[in-house]
Amino acid sequence: MKRYFIELSYNGKNFFGWQRQPGQISVQEEIETALSKLYSNKEISVVGCGRTDSGVHAKSYFLHVDLPDHDALKDLNQFIFKLNKMLPESIVLHELFETEKHARFDAIKRTYRYFVHFKKDPFISEQSWYFPQQLDVKRMNDAAQWLIGTKDFTSLSKLHTDVKTNICTVSDAEWKQESENEWYFEISADRFLRNMVRATVGTIIDVGLNKIKPTDLTAILDAKNRGAASTSVPAHGLFLWKIEY
């Protein structure tokens, strides 16, 4: 058996997230099914670098898989080509290479982007959130700086998850301009909690609407209460953008 990394991208619109779940269509299940077909219906399991929620996209995602020797592995490019033919258009595998790393536990940094557009646009509406109100981006970036550091993000996490700790170390958090009417929020951390980015964006947008002050982020985090933060933004504007090992 040899371990391989696969780098891939997917459009999450039609998936109930990355992780396999009974009765739901997931990215993991689609890939495992394709791999099993290449191995004459032998059961193949893959391990992803993390969960993404229903409707969330991934620009760069990594999984690892332990595979027995097979003639198809003699040409890794051809192996990826065959898998891509089996997969739906919403999933694209880019590269397969040998590794000794664990896709989830050996990742040291994850980066997400959340896209927002302020002028109605039918060509980006499925991968960016249309928000027609005016925002004070400077105030939003002032608020984002209060996220940086090692902190307890319970207030920005989905309730009743099975993680052992809600402590995360955020290294970067900033709103950046993509075009005249398009912005995105980029945040990097060692780990993320369920719903953390969407809750964070929703809270910072309330800063941009002058509903709360940038410094209120500290009190929100200190409360360790999801009810202290704002409503989460829709899933379709969120991308897992980059993983670093």
Protein backbone atom coordinates (compact mmCIF):
# COMPACT_ATOMS: atom_id res chain seq x y z
CA MET A 1 0.00 0.00 0.00
CA LYS A 2 1.17 3.50 -0.83
CA ARG A 3 -0.32 6.79 0.35
CA TYR A 4 -1.22 9.46 -2.18
CA PHE A 5 -2.40 13.04 -1.99
CA ILE A 6 -4.99 14.23 -4.51
CA GLU A 7 -5.50 17.95 -5.04
CA LEU A 8 -8.97 18.83 -6.29
CA SER A 9 -11.57 21.58 -6.69
CA TYR A 10 -15.32 21.36 -6.44
CA ASN A 11 -18.44 23.44 -6.82
CA GLY A 12 -20.44 22.68 -3.70
CA LYS A 13 -23.84 23.79 -5.01
CA ASN A 14 -25.26 20.30 -5.42
CA PHE A 15 -23.48 18.61 -2.52
CA PHE A 16 -24.36 18.20 1.13
CA GLY A 17 -20.80 19.18 2.00
CA TRP A 18 -17.55 17.24 1.70
CA GLN A 19 -18.21 14.46 4.21
CA ARG A 20 -20.10 11.28 3.39
CA GLN A 21 -23.50 11.22 5.11
CA PRO A 22 -26.36 8.70 4.91
CA GLY A 23 -29.00 9.64 2.37
CA GLN A 24 -27.13 12.71 1.08
CA ILE A 25 -24.89 13.41 -1.91
CA SER A 26 -21.36 14.36 -0.82
CA VAL A 27 -18.06 15.05 -2.56
CA GLN A 28 -16.33 12.32 -0.58
CA GLU A 29 -18.85 9.69 -1.67
CA GLU A 30 -18.52 10.64 -5.36
CA ILE A 31 -14.72 10.27 -5.23
CA GLU A 32 -14.77 7.02 -3.24
CA THR A 33 -17.28 5.55 -5.69
CA ALA A 34 -15.08 6.45 -8.67
CA LEU A 35 -11.96 5.00 -7.02
CA SER A 36 -13.79 1.80 -6.15
CA LYS A 37 -14.82 1.34 -9.79
CA LEU A 38 -11.18 1.60 -10.87
CA TYR A 39 -10.36 -1.10 -8.33
CA SER A 40 -13.03 -3.55 -9.54
CA ASN A 41 -15.53 -2.42 -6.89
CA LYS A 42 -13.09 -2.90 -4.02
CA GLU A 43 -14.06 -0.52 -1.20
CA ILE A 44 -11.73 2.52 -1.15
CA SER A 45 -11.87 5.20 1.57
CA VAL A 46 -10.36 8.67 1.38
CA VAL A 47 -9.52 11.18 4.12
CA GLY A 48 -10.12 14.88 3.44
CA CYS A 49 -8.25 17.89 4.78
CA GLY A 50 -11.45 19.04 6.53
CA ARG A 51 -15.19 19.39 6.31
CA THR A 52 -17.02 21.91 4.19
CA ASP A 53 -20.71 22.56 4.82
CA SER A 54 -23.54 22.07 2.37
CA GLY A 55 -23.22 24.45 -0.58
CA VAL A 56 -19.65 25.55 0.20
CA HIS A 57 -17.04 25.39 -2.59
CA ALA A 58 -13.35 24.45 -2.62
CA LYS A 59 -10.76 26.08 -4.87
CA SER A 60 -7.97 23.87 -3.53
CA TYR A 61 -8.75 20.81 -1.43
CA PHE A 62 -6.49 17.88 -0.51
CA LEU A 63 -7.33 14.31 0.38
CA HIS A 64 -5.15 11.31 1.08
CA VAL A 65 -5.86 7.76 0.06
CA ASP A 66 -3.98 4.50 0.71
CA LEU A 67 -3.97 2.43 -2.47
CA PRO A 68 -2.71 -1.08 -3.27
CA ASP A 69 -0.55 -1.56 -6.34
CA HIS A 70 -2.51 -1.39 -9.57
CA ASP A 71 -1.58 -1.17 -13.25
CA ALA A 72 -3.45 2.14 -13.45
CA LEU A 73 -0.98 3.72 -11.00
CA LYS A 74 1.93 3.25 -13.40
CA ASP A 75 0.81 6.46 -15.12
CA LEU A 76 -0.50 8.89 -12.51
CA ASN A 77 -1.69 11.43 -15.08
CA GLN A 78 -3.75 8.76 -16.82
CA PHE A 79 -5.09 7.63 -13.45
CA ILE A 80 -6.38 11.16 -12.75
CA PHE A 81 -7.76 11.39 -16.29
CA LYS A 82 -9.82 8.22 -15.79
CA LEU A 83 -11.14 9.36 -12.46
CA ASN A 84 -12.15 12.75 -13.86
CA LYS A 85 -14.15 11.04 -16.60
CA MET A 86 -16.13 9.20 -13.92
CA LEU A 87 -16.79 12.25 -11.76
CA PRO A 88 -19.44 14.94 -12.30
CA GLU A 89 -18.38 18.26 -13.84
CA SER A 90 -18.63 19.90 -10.43
CA ILE A 91 -15.57 17.95 -9.19
CA VAL A 92 -12.13 18.23 -10.82
CA LEU A 93 -9.04 16.32 -9.71
CA HIS A 94 -5.82 18.18 -10.51
CA GLU A 95 -2.90 16.08 -9.36
CA LEU A 96 -2.02 12.84 -7.58
CA PHE A 97 1.34 12.27 -5.91
CA GLU A 98 2.91 10.05 -3.26
CA THR A 99 3.08 11.33 0.30
CA GLU A 100 3.56 10.22 3.88
CA LYS A 101 1.40 13.02 5.29
CA HIS A 102 -2.13 12.96 6.71
CA ALA A 103 -4.42 15.28 4.76
CA ARG A 104 -6.15 16.63 7.85
CA PHE A 105 -3.74 16.39 10.76
CA ASP A 106 -0.61 17.57 8.92
CA ALA A 107 -2.22 20.72 7.49
CA ILE A 108 -0.69 23.74 9.24
CA LYS A 109 -2.73 26.54 7.68
CA ARG A 110 -6.10 26.85 5.98
CA THR A 111 -7.39 29.87 4.07
CA TYR A 112 -11.00 30.67 3.24
CA ARG A 113 -12.46 33.41 1.05
CA TYR A 114 -16.01 34.74 1.19
CA PHE A 115 -17.16 36.64 -1.90
CA VAL A 116 -19.66 39.52 -1.88
CA HIS A 117 -20.89 41.64 -4.81
CA PHE A 118 -22.81 44.91 -4.55
CA LYS A 119 -24.25 45.13 -8.07
CA LYS A 120 -26.62 42.45 -9.33
CA ASP A 121 -24.77 40.06 -11.63
CA PRO A 122 -26.26 36.79 -12.95
CA PHE A 123 -22.84 35.35 -13.85
CA ILE A 124 -21.45 35.28 -10.31
CA SER A 125 -24.62 34.97 -8.25
CA GLU A 126 -24.08 31.28 -7.49
CA GLN A 127 -20.58 31.80 -6.08
CA SER A 128 -20.87 35.24 -4.50
CA TRP A 129 -23.45 36.80 -2.17
CA TYR A 130 -25.36 39.74 -3.64
CA PHE A 131 -25.52 42.45 -0.96
CA PRO A 132 -27.06 45.69 -2.28
CA GLN A 133 -26.46 47.82 0.83
CA GLN A 134 -23.49 50.14 1.25
CA LEU A 135 -20.79 48.93 3.64
CA ASP A 136 -17.99 50.74 5.46
CA VAL A 137 -15.11 48.45 4.50
CA LYS A 138 -12.57 50.37 6.60
CA ARG A 139 -14.59 49.68 9.74
CA MET A 140 -14.90 46.05 8.67
CA ASN A 141 -11.14 45.70 8.34
CA ASP A 142 -10.67 47.38 11.71
CA ALA A 143 -13.00 44.72 13.16
CA ALA A 144 -11.17 41.90 11.39
CA GLN A 145 -7.95 42.74 13.21
CA TRP A 146 -9.57 41.82 16.52
CA LEU A 147 -9.83 38.23 15.27
CA ILE A 148 -6.07 37.76 14.87
CA GLY A 149 -4.31 35.67 17.49
CA THR A 150 -5.09 32.55 19.52
CA LYS A 151 -8.64 32.89 20.80
CA ASP A 152 -11.77 30.98 21.78
CA PHE A 153 -14.20 31.16 18.83
CA THR A 154 -17.22 29.55 20.53
CA SER A 155 -19.32 32.64 19.74
CA LEU A 156 -18.63 32.16 16.03
CA SER A 157 -19.14 28.39 15.92
CA LYS A 158 -22.08 26.13 15.20
CA LEU A 159 -23.62 24.89 18.45
CA HIS A 160 -23.24 21.32 19.74
CA THR A 161 -20.34 20.19 17.58
CA ASP A 162 -18.10 17.28 18.57
CA VAL A 163 -14.74 19.11 18.69
CA LYS A 164 -12.58 18.96 21.81
CA THR A 165 -11.67 22.66 21.78
CA ASN A 166 -12.90 25.89 20.20
CA ILE A 167 -9.47 27.51 20.36
CA CYS A 168 -8.11 28.60 16.95
CA THR A 169 -5.12 30.69 15.91
CA VAL A 170 -6.01 33.22 13.21
CA SER A 171 -2.98 34.61 11.37
CA ASP A 172 -4.67 36.85 8.77
CA ALA A 173 -8.12 38.40 8.32
CA GLU A 174 -8.85 41.12 5.77
CA TRP A 175 -11.40 42.40 3.25
CA LYS A 176 -9.93 42.81 -0.23
CA GLN A 177 -11.30 44.38 -3.39
CA GLU A 178 -11.71 42.15 -6.45
CA SER A 179 -13.32 44.75 -8.76
CA GLU A 180 -15.41 47.90 -8.50
CA ASN A 181 -18.43 45.96 -7.22
CA GLU A 182 -16.80 42.79 -5.85
CA TRP A 183 -15.03 42.21 -2.54
CA TYR A 184 -13.95 39.15 -0.61
CA PHE A 185 -13.07 38.43 2.99
CA GLU A 186 -9.93 36.31 3.37
CA ILE A 187 -9.11 34.58 6.64
CA SER A 188 -6.30 32.14 7.49
CA ALA A 189 -5.95 29.98 10.59
CA ASP A 190 -4.49 26.72 11.85
CA ARG A 191 -8.02 25.30 12.11
CA PHE A 192 -11.64 26.36 11.71
CA LEU A 193 -14.82 25.44 13.54
CA ARG A 194 -18.13 24.50 11.91
CA ASN A 195 -19.81 27.62 10.45
CA MET A 196 -17.00 29.84 11.81
CA VAL A 197 -16.25 31.78 8.63
CA ARG A 198 -19.90 32.42 7.75
CA ALA A 199 -20.69 33.61 11.27
CA THR A 200 -17.60 35.81 11.24
CA VAL A 201 -18.53 37.42 7.93
CA GLY A 202 -22.10 38.03 9.11
CA THR A 203 -20.83 39.71 12.27
CA ILE A 204 -18.30 41.89 10.47
CA ILE A 205 -20.92 42.95 7.93
CA ASP A 206 -22.95 44.28 10.86
CA VAL A 207 -19.89 46.40 11.66
CA GLY A 208 -19.92 47.67 8.08
CA LEU A 209 -23.61 48.58 8.50
CA ASN A 210 -22.75 50.53 11.70
CA LYS A 211 -24.90 48.21 13.79
CA ILE A 212 -21.95 47.33 16.04
CA LYS A 213 -18.47 48.77 16.62
CA PRO A 214 -15.21 47.13 15.49
CA THR A 215 -14.11 46.78 19.11
CA ASP A 216 -17.30 44.84 19.90
CA LEU A 217 -15.59 41.78 18.36
CA THR A 218 -13.64 41.37 21.60
CA ALA A 219 -16.78 41.31 23.75
CA ILE A 220 -18.48 38.93 21.31
CA LEU A 221 -15.60 36.44 21.53
CA ASP A 222 -15.33 36.82 25.30
CA ALA A 223 -19.03 35.94 25.66
CA LYS A 224 -18.41 32.40 24.32
CA ASN A 225 -22.03 32.39 23.24
CA ARG A 226 -23.25 31.98 19.64
CA GLY A 227 -26.13 34.30 20.46
CA ALA A 228 -23.70 37.18 21.00
CA ALA A 229 -22.67 37.21 17.33
CA SER A 230 -24.64 38.00 14.18
CA THR A 231 -26.49 35.78 11.72
CA SER A 232 -24.38 33.61 9.40
CA VAL A 233 -24.15 34.59 5.74
CA PRO A 234 -25.31 32.17 2.98
CA ALA A 235 -23.05 29.22 2.09
CA HIS A 236 -22.73 29.84 -1.66
CA GLY A 237 -20.24 32.73 -1.30
CA LEU A 238 -17.71 30.66 0.67
CA PHE A 239 -14.63 28.93 -0.74
CA LEU A 240 -11.96 26.85 0.95
CA TRP A 241 -9.17 28.60 -0.93
CA LYS A 242 -5.83 27.13 0.10
CA ILE A 243 -4.29 24.46 2.35
CA GLU A 244 -0.66 24.57 3.47
CA TYR A 245 1.41 21.65 4.79
